[in-house]
């Protein structure tokens, strides 16, 4: 099992922050700050740890926010001494972002300048959301300016910070209800030169599609006109969840809207009663029943058993194929049943389906046993 992320955000983080601040603000009480930050630290997960450090910063920096944020920003130029694995080194600035989110709302200009700087060191996607909620018009106007900023980190913040369903963050309910302000920003970024930014645009549009499938399809259809290959990639990536859900509008955008004329045959599921920790292999054949070539999108959907006995579907991408007239193609998929941090397996009966252009073809079942 992978190490919890909090293991890369240990006691060295407040120690590093204390040293960095003391390097620009000698009156900073390093020892008292670290004691305060580490009180109860071990019991907390990653995000609560960062919040705890942010609250400690409030107690040991000057009371006046604009003085405090000036010190905090000056300190980020100091060496942190952290080289955490898996890209976690930059997370040393997560408490700084939370500090801006919690204490800077009444200081809009200073806080926007701070987020502009911090997002180029880590990301301000978590803090900018507070400003979108409190100062929506002003923040949207600033983000519109940043769509042409020279920094790809700043441009990415425009898209990532406005995602209605950003992971690890509260949802932006206003934009879930009405995504038009976000779509206006994405329109300016759809042909960005940076893949880093374009991937964020696709993820944002994917988020929007979960609440507004018609808006997703309309935007994707409009963007397809005179689209570069880079923009086509955004569209495909943005439609991925809708495709997995078998939504007809999304399938039509990618050219898979028509029901395929096929039969699914020769299904084998081995073993039928796999144990947790082992694996199961699914094999089948798909035969064309059409007199012409069919372009089809083929996925596998597994209805996993949850802890409460209900089922949760997960779709695995197989391939896009050109199925010749009266032709046959074989598909196989091996499913690992090891316990992971991202998926816990439970005993019970799991149904399997082949999805062909979004149409489900039942393949059968396998029953996971505990041992």
Protein backbone atom coordinates (compact mmCIF):
# COMPACT_ATOMS: atom_id res chain seq x y z
CA UNK A 1 0.00 0.00 0.00
CA UNK A 2 1.24 3.50 -0.82
CA UNK A 3 2.39 5.72 2.03
CA UNK A 4 -0.23 8.26 3.18
CA UNK A 5 0.49 11.75 1.81
CA UNK A 6 0.72 13.14 5.33
CA UNK A 7 3.95 11.16 5.80
CA UNK A 8 5.55 13.59 3.33
CA UNK A 9 4.19 16.52 5.34
CA UNK A 10 5.76 15.76 8.69
CA UNK A 11 7.26 17.77 11.54
CA UNK A 12 9.93 19.08 9.19
CA UNK A 13 7.36 21.35 7.52
CA UNK A 14 6.71 23.78 10.40
CA UNK A 15 10.43 23.64 11.22
CA UNK A 16 11.30 24.65 7.66
CA UNK A 17 8.70 27.43 7.62
CA UNK A 18 10.00 28.76 10.94
CA UNK A 19 13.58 28.92 9.63
CA UNK A 20 12.46 30.64 6.43
CA UNK A 21 10.47 33.31 8.28
CA UNK A 22 13.24 33.91 10.83
CA UNK A 23 15.59 34.54 7.91
CA UNK A 24 13.62 37.67 6.98
CA UNK A 25 11.94 38.51 10.30
CA UNK A 26 14.43 37.98 13.16
CA UNK A 27 11.81 38.73 15.85
CA UNK A 28 9.85 35.62 14.85
CA UNK A 29 9.63 33.19 17.80
CA UNK A 30 10.64 30.01 15.99
CA UNK A 31 10.48 27.67 18.97
CA UNK A 32 7.08 28.82 20.20
CA UNK A 33 5.67 28.67 16.65
CA UNK A 34 6.90 25.11 16.13
CA UNK A 35 5.56 23.98 19.52
CA UNK A 36 2.16 25.47 18.66
CA UNK A 37 2.08 23.94 15.18
CA UNK A 38 3.13 20.48 16.37
CA UNK A 39 0.69 20.26 19.28
CA UNK A 40 -1.61 17.41 18.18
CA UNK A 41 0.00 17.37 14.71
CA UNK A 42 0.57 13.62 14.51
CA UNK A 43 -3.13 12.81 14.70
CA UNK A 44 -4.01 15.04 11.73
CA UNK A 45 -4.20 14.27 8.01
CA UNK A 46 -2.40 16.38 5.40
CA UNK A 47 -4.89 19.22 4.87
CA UNK A 48 -5.71 19.70 8.58
CA UNK A 49 -1.95 19.79 9.26
CA UNK A 50 -1.58 22.65 6.80
CA UNK A 51 -4.51 24.49 8.38
CA UNK A 52 -2.97 24.07 11.82
CA UNK A 53 0.27 25.63 10.62
CA UNK A 54 -1.68 28.50 9.02
CA UNK A 55 -3.46 29.20 12.32
CA UNK A 56 -0.11 29.16 14.14
CA UNK A 57 1.27 31.65 11.62
CA UNK A 58 -1.57 34.00 12.50
CA UNK A 59 -0.56 33.91 16.17
CA UNK A 60 3.17 34.53 15.63
CA UNK A 61 3.22 36.96 12.70
CA UNK A 62 2.27 40.65 13.09
CA UNK A 63 -1.43 41.28 13.71
CA UNK A 64 -1.70 43.56 10.69
CA UNK A 65 -2.44 41.27 7.74
CA UNK A 66 -0.59 43.26 5.09
CA UNK A 67 2.59 43.30 7.20
CA UNK A 68 2.22 39.58 7.90
CA UNK A 69 1.71 38.61 4.25
CA UNK A 70 4.66 40.77 3.20
CA UNK A 71 6.89 38.83 5.63
CA UNK A 72 5.44 35.51 4.54
CA UNK A 73 6.06 36.24 0.85
CA UNK A 74 9.60 37.47 1.54
CA UNK A 75 10.31 34.23 3.41
CA UNK A 76 9.57 31.99 0.43
CA UNK A 77 12.85 33.13 -1.13
CA UNK A 78 14.70 31.45 1.75
CA UNK A 79 15.89 27.84 1.30
CA UNK A 80 13.35 25.39 2.75
CA UNK A 81 15.74 22.46 3.09
CA UNK A 82 12.95 20.11 1.95
CA UNK A 83 13.40 17.69 -0.93
CA UNK A 84 10.36 15.49 -0.31
CA UNK A 85 9.71 12.68 -2.73
CA UNK A 86 6.86 12.58 -5.24
CA UNK A 87 6.85 16.32 -5.81
CA UNK A 88 5.75 17.07 -2.23
CA UNK A 89 8.51 19.61 -1.62
CA UNK A 90 6.36 22.52 -2.85
CA UNK A 91 3.64 21.57 -0.34
CA UNK A 92 5.66 23.55 2.21
CA UNK A 93 3.72 26.55 0.84
CA UNK A 94 0.27 25.04 1.41
CA UNK A 95 -0.04 26.74 4.84
CA UNK A 96 0.82 30.07 3.17
CA UNK A 97 -2.10 29.59 0.77
CA UNK A 98 -4.43 28.72 3.65
CA UNK A 99 -3.23 31.82 5.51
CA UNK A 100 -4.34 33.96 2.56
CA UNK A 101 -7.64 32.08 2.34
CA UNK A 102 -8.47 32.52 6.02
CA UNK A 103 -7.15 35.94 6.92
CA UNK A 104 -6.88 37.99 3.72
CA UNK A 105 -10.46 38.32 2.54
CA UNK A 106 -10.74 41.91 3.75
CA UNK A 107 -7.52 42.83 1.91
CA UNK A 108 -8.38 41.99 -1.69
CA UNK A 109 -5.52 43.60 -3.60
CA UNK A 110 -2.81 42.42 -1.21
CA UNK A 111 -4.22 38.91 -1.24
CA UNK A 112 -4.51 38.72 -5.00
CA UNK A 113 -0.87 39.81 -5.29
CA UNK A 114 0.04 37.12 -2.75
CA UNK A 115 -1.82 34.43 -4.66
CA UNK A 116 -0.18 35.55 -7.89
CA UNK A 117 3.21 34.91 -6.28
CA UNK A 118 2.28 31.73 -4.41
CA UNK A 119 0.70 30.00 -7.38
CA UNK A 120 4.07 30.19 -9.13
CA UNK A 121 5.68 28.33 -6.21
CA UNK A 122 2.90 25.87 -5.35
CA UNK A 123 -0.71 26.62 -6.34
CA UNK A 124 -3.33 29.07 -5.11
CA UNK A 125 -6.24 27.00 -6.40
CA UNK A 126 -7.47 26.37 -2.84
CA UNK A 127 -7.34 29.96 -1.63
CA UNK A 128 -8.73 31.67 -4.75
CA UNK A 129 -12.04 29.89 -4.17
CA UNK A 130 -12.71 31.90 -1.01
CA UNK A 131 -12.28 35.08 -3.07
CA UNK A 132 -14.61 33.80 -5.77
CA UNK A 133 -17.23 33.29 -3.07
CA UNK A 134 -16.71 36.62 -1.25
CA UNK A 135 -15.65 38.88 -4.14
CA UNK A 136 -16.96 37.09 -7.23
CA UNK A 137 -17.08 40.02 -9.68
CA UNK A 138 -13.68 41.44 -8.74
CA UNK A 139 -12.00 38.04 -8.65
CA UNK A 140 -13.42 37.01 -12.02
CA UNK A 141 -12.18 40.29 -13.49
CA UNK A 142 -8.68 39.65 -12.14
CA UNK A 143 -8.71 36.08 -13.43
CA UNK A 144 -9.74 37.35 -16.87
CA UNK A 145 -6.62 39.54 -16.86
CA UNK A 146 -4.50 36.55 -15.86
CA UNK A 147 -5.63 34.48 -18.86
CA UNK A 148 -2.90 36.23 -20.86
CA UNK A 149 -0.23 36.27 -18.15
CA UNK A 150 3.26 35.15 -19.24
CA UNK A 151 3.34 32.53 -16.45
CA UNK A 152 1.67 29.21 -17.22
CA UNK A 153 1.20 28.72 -13.48
CA UNK A 154 -0.88 31.89 -13.29
CA UNK A 155 -2.90 30.97 -16.37
CA UNK A 156 -3.52 27.50 -14.97
CA UNK A 157 -4.80 29.06 -11.73
CA UNK A 158 -7.57 30.74 -13.76
CA UNK A 159 -8.90 27.35 -14.81
CA UNK A 160 -7.97 25.13 -11.87
CA UNK A 161 -9.18 27.60 -9.24
CA UNK A 162 -12.60 27.91 -10.86
CA UNK A 163 -13.26 24.17 -11.18
CA UNK A 164 -16.71 23.60 -9.63
CA UNK A 165 -15.66 20.20 -8.24
CA UNK A 166 -11.96 20.67 -7.51
CA UNK A 167 -10.58 17.66 -5.57
CA UNK A 168 -9.66 18.32 -1.92
CA UNK A 169 -11.66 21.56 -1.92
CA UNK A 170 -15.25 22.63 -1.19
CA UNK A 171 -17.39 22.85 -4.30
CA UNK A 172 -18.12 26.20 -5.89
CA UNK A 173 -21.91 25.97 -5.65
CA UNK A 174 -22.54 29.19 -7.56
CA UNK A 175 -20.67 27.85 -10.58
CA UNK A 176 -22.32 24.46 -10.25
CA UNK A 177 -25.63 26.29 -10.60
CA UNK A 178 -24.45 28.60 -13.39
CA UNK A 179 -21.17 27.73 -15.13
CA UNK A 180 -21.30 30.59 -17.63
CA UNK A 181 -18.69 32.79 -15.86
CA UNK A 182 -16.28 29.84 -15.83
CA UNK A 183 -16.96 28.97 -19.47
CA UNK A 184 -16.10 32.56 -20.41
CA UNK A 185 -12.66 32.10 -18.85
CA UNK A 186 -12.13 28.68 -20.42
CA UNK A 187 -12.95 30.15 -23.83
CA UNK A 188 -9.87 32.38 -23.45
CA UNK A 189 -7.66 29.41 -22.50
CA UNK A 190 -8.82 26.69 -24.90
CA UNK A 191 -5.86 27.25 -27.23
CA UNK A 192 -3.25 27.96 -24.56
CA UNK A 193 0.30 27.08 -25.56
CA UNK A 194 0.87 25.06 -22.36
CA UNK A 195 -0.33 21.46 -21.95
CA UNK A 196 -0.32 22.15 -18.19
CA UNK A 197 -3.01 24.78 -18.76
CA UNK A 198 -4.92 22.85 -21.41
CA UNK A 199 -5.18 19.80 -19.13
CA UNK A 200 -6.71 22.04 -16.44
CA UNK A 201 -9.17 23.45 -18.98
CA UNK A 202 -10.24 19.92 -19.87
CA UNK A 203 -10.65 18.95 -16.22
CA UNK A 204 -12.72 22.05 -15.53
CA UNK A 205 -14.99 21.34 -18.49
CA UNK A 206 -15.28 17.74 -17.33
CA UNK A 207 -16.43 19.04 -13.92
CA UNK A 208 -19.01 21.29 -15.55
CA UNK A 209 -20.37 18.35 -17.54
CA UNK A 210 -21.28 16.47 -14.36
CA UNK A 211 -23.86 19.16 -13.53
CA UNK A 212 -24.58 20.52 -17.02
CA UNK A 213 -24.17 17.82 -19.67
CA UNK A 214 -25.83 19.98 -22.31
CA UNK A 215 -23.34 22.81 -21.69
CA UNK A 216 -20.46 20.34 -21.99
CA UNK A 217 -21.75 19.02 -25.32
CA UNK A 218 -22.51 22.50 -26.68
CA UNK A 219 -19.05 23.76 -25.74
CA UNK A 220 -17.28 20.71 -27.14
CA UNK A 221 -19.25 20.95 -30.38
CA UNK A 222 -18.42 24.64 -30.77
CA UNK A 223 -14.74 24.06 -30.01
CA UNK A 224 -14.50 21.33 -32.65
CA UNK A 225 -14.94 23.91 -35.41
CA UNK A 226 -11.50 24.58 -36.95
CA UNK A 227 -9.93 22.79 -33.97
CA UNK A 228 -6.22 22.09 -33.75
CA UNK A 229 -5.12 18.66 -32.56
CA UNK A 230 -4.29 20.25 -29.18
CA UNK A 231 -7.85 21.51 -28.84
CA UNK A 232 -9.23 18.16 -29.95
CA UNK A 233 -7.26 16.59 -27.11
CA UNK A 234 -8.94 18.98 -24.64
CA UNK A 235 -12.35 17.99 -26.00
CA UNK A 236 -11.66 14.26 -25.73
CA UNK A 237 -10.29 14.64 -22.22
CA UNK A 238 -13.19 16.85 -21.14
CA UNK A 239 -15.71 14.30 -22.42
CA UNK A 240 -14.12 11.30 -20.72
CA UNK A 241 -16.49 11.07 -17.74
CA UNK A 242 -19.55 11.65 -19.90
CA UNK A 243 -18.35 8.91 -22.26
CA UNK A 244 -17.90 6.55 -19.32
CA UNK A 245 -21.45 7.35 -18.24
CA UNK A 246 -22.63 6.48 -21.75
CA UNK A 247 -24.18 9.90 -22.39
CA UNK A 248 -25.43 10.04 -25.96
CA UNK A 249 -24.57 13.72 -26.52
CA UNK A 250 -20.92 13.19 -25.63
CA UNK A 251 -20.74 10.04 -27.74
CA UNK A 252 -22.17 11.95 -30.72
CA UNK A 253 -19.51 14.66 -30.39
CA UNK A 254 -16.78 12.04 -30.80
CA UNK A 255 -18.59 10.25 -33.61
CA UNK A 256 -19.86 7.26 -31.61
CA UNK A 257 -23.51 8.22 -31.37
CA UNK A 258 -24.91 5.49 -33.55
CA UNK A 259 -25.70 2.11 -32.05
CA UNK A 260 -23.23 -0.46 -33.35
CA UNK A 261 -24.54 -3.58 -35.08
CA UNK A 262 -22.58 -6.19 -33.14
CA UNK A 263 -22.93 -9.37 -31.14
CA UNK A 264 -20.80 -10.17 -28.09
CA UNK A 265 -19.76 -13.84 -27.97
CA UNK A 266 -17.40 -16.40 -26.41
CA UNK A 267 -17.22 -14.76 -23.00
CA UNK A 268 -14.80 -16.26 -20.47
CA UNK A 269 -14.34 -15.07 -16.88
CA UNK A 270 -11.45 -16.77 -15.07
CA UNK A 271 -11.72 -17.64 -12.24
CA UNK A 272 -15.38 -17.21 -11.38
CA UNK A 273 -14.59 -17.06 -7.66
CA UNK A 274 -11.33 -15.11 -7.28
CA UNK A 275 -9.90 -14.25 -3.89
CA UNK A 276 -9.12 -10.75 -2.64
CA UNK A 277 -5.48 -10.15 -3.54
CA UNK A 278 -5.60 -12.26 -6.71
CA UNK A 279 -6.89 -11.27 -10.16
CA UNK A 280 -9.64 -12.09 -12.63
CA UNK A 281 -9.36 -12.20 -16.43
CA UNK A 282 -12.27 -11.30 -18.73
CA UNK A 283 -12.15 -12.35 -22.39
CA UNK A 284 -14.80 -11.92 -25.09
CA UNK A 285 -15.26 -11.50 -28.81
CA UNK A 286 -17.26 -8.86 -30.64
CA UNK A 287 -18.65 -9.79 -34.04
CA UNK A 288 -19.91 -7.31 -36.61
CA UNK A 289 -23.41 -7.73 -37.97
CA UNK A 290 -23.07 -4.84 -40.45
CA UNK A 291 -22.14 -4.94 -44.16
CA UNK A 292 -19.84 -1.91 -43.76
CA UNK A 293 -16.92 -0.87 -41.56
CA UNK A 294 -18.02 0.33 -38.11
CA UNK A 295 -15.97 2.67 -35.94
CA UNK A 296 -16.76 1.69 -32.36
CA UNK A 297 -15.69 2.73 -28.87
CA UNK A 298 -15.29 -0.27 -26.58
CA UNK A 299 -15.05 -0.07 -22.76
CA UNK A 300 -15.49 -2.48 -19.88
CA UNK A 301 -17.75 -1.63 -16.93
CA UNK A 302 -17.38 -3.45 -13.62
CA UNK A 303 -19.98 -3.04 -10.87
CA UNK A 304 -17.81 -3.27 -7.75
CA UNK A 305 -19.32 -4.26 -4.42
CA UNK A 306 -19.05 -1.53 -1.76
CA UNK A 307 -18.70 -1.94 2.01
CA UNK A 308 -22.46 -1.55 2.51
CA UNK A 309 -23.29 -4.20 -0.09
CA UNK A 310 -24.39 -1.80 -2.83
CA UNK A 311 -22.56 -1.52 -6.16
CA UNK A 312 -20.40 1.22 -7.67
CA UNK A 313 -19.61 1.08 -11.41
CA UNK A 314 -16.12 1.72 -12.75
CA UNK A 315 -15.35 1.94 -16.45
CA UNK A 316 -12.06 0.75 -17.92
CA UNK A 317 -11.03 2.05 -21.32
CA UNK A 318 -10.35 -0.72 -23.83
CA UNK A 319 -9.97 0.71 -27.34
CA UNK A 320 -11.42 2.43 -30.36
CA UNK A 321 -11.58 0.06 -33.30
CA UNK A 322 -12.50 -0.05 -36.97
CA UNK A 323 -14.59 -3.21 -37.09
CA UNK A 324 -14.61 -4.67 -40.62
CA UNK A 325 -17.81 -5.96 -42.24
CA UNK A 326 -18.73 -9.31 -40.68
CA UNK A 327 -15.40 -9.13 -38.83
CA UNK A 328 -14.61 -10.29 -35.29
CA UNK A 329 -12.33 -8.75 -32.64
CA UNK A 330 -11.14 -10.23 -29.36
CA UNK A 331 -10.89 -8.21 -26.13
CA UNK A 332 -9.31 -9.14 -22.83
CA UNK A 333 -8.83 -7.39 -19.51
CA UNK A 334 -7.09 -8.51 -16.34
CA UNK A 335 -8.46 -6.95 -13.14
CA UNK A 336 -6.14 -6.86 -10.14
CA UNK A 337 -7.97 -7.46 -6.88
CA UNK A 338 -5.20 -6.29 -4.56
CA UNK A 339 -6.18 -3.86 -1.82
CA UNK A 340 -5.01 -0.35 -2.70
CA UNK A 341 -5.36 3.11 -1.19
CA UNK A 342 -7.47 4.01 -4.25
CA UNK A 343 -9.70 0.91 -4.21
CA UNK A 344 -10.79 -1.48 -1.48
CA UNK A 345 -12.27 -4.79 -2.59
CA UNK A 346 -15.13 -6.46 -0.75
CA UNK A 347 -16.53 -9.98 -1.02
CA UNK A 348 -19.61 -10.36 -3.19
CA UNK A 349 -20.91 -10.70 -6.72
CA UNK A 350 -19.56 -8.26 -9.31
CA UNK A 351 -21.38 -7.77 -12.63
CA UNK A 352 -19.44 -7.03 -15.85
CA UNK A 353 -20.57 -5.33 -19.04
CA UNK A 354 -18.98 -4.50 -22.36
CA UNK A 355 -19.87 -0.96 -23.48
CA UNK A 356 -20.00 -0.53 -27.24
CA UNK A 357 -20.70 3.09 -28.24
CA UNK A 358 -22.25 3.46 -24.79
CA UNK A 359 -24.58 0.48 -25.22
CA UNK A 360 -24.20 -2.14 -22.47
CA UNK A 361 -23.78 -5.84 -23.27
CA UNK A 362 -23.84 -8.07 -20.14
CA UNK A 363 -20.82 -10.39 -19.93
CA UNK A 364 -21.60 -12.17 -16.67
CA UNK A 365 -20.44 -12.12 -13.07
CA UNK A 366 -17.61 -13.11 -10.77
CA UNK A 367 -17.81 -13.56 -7.01
CA UNK A 368 -14.95 -12.28 -4.87
CA UNK A 369 -14.20 -14.31 -1.76
CA UNK A 370 -12.31 -13.15 1.31
CA UNK A 371 -9.78 -15.94 1.35
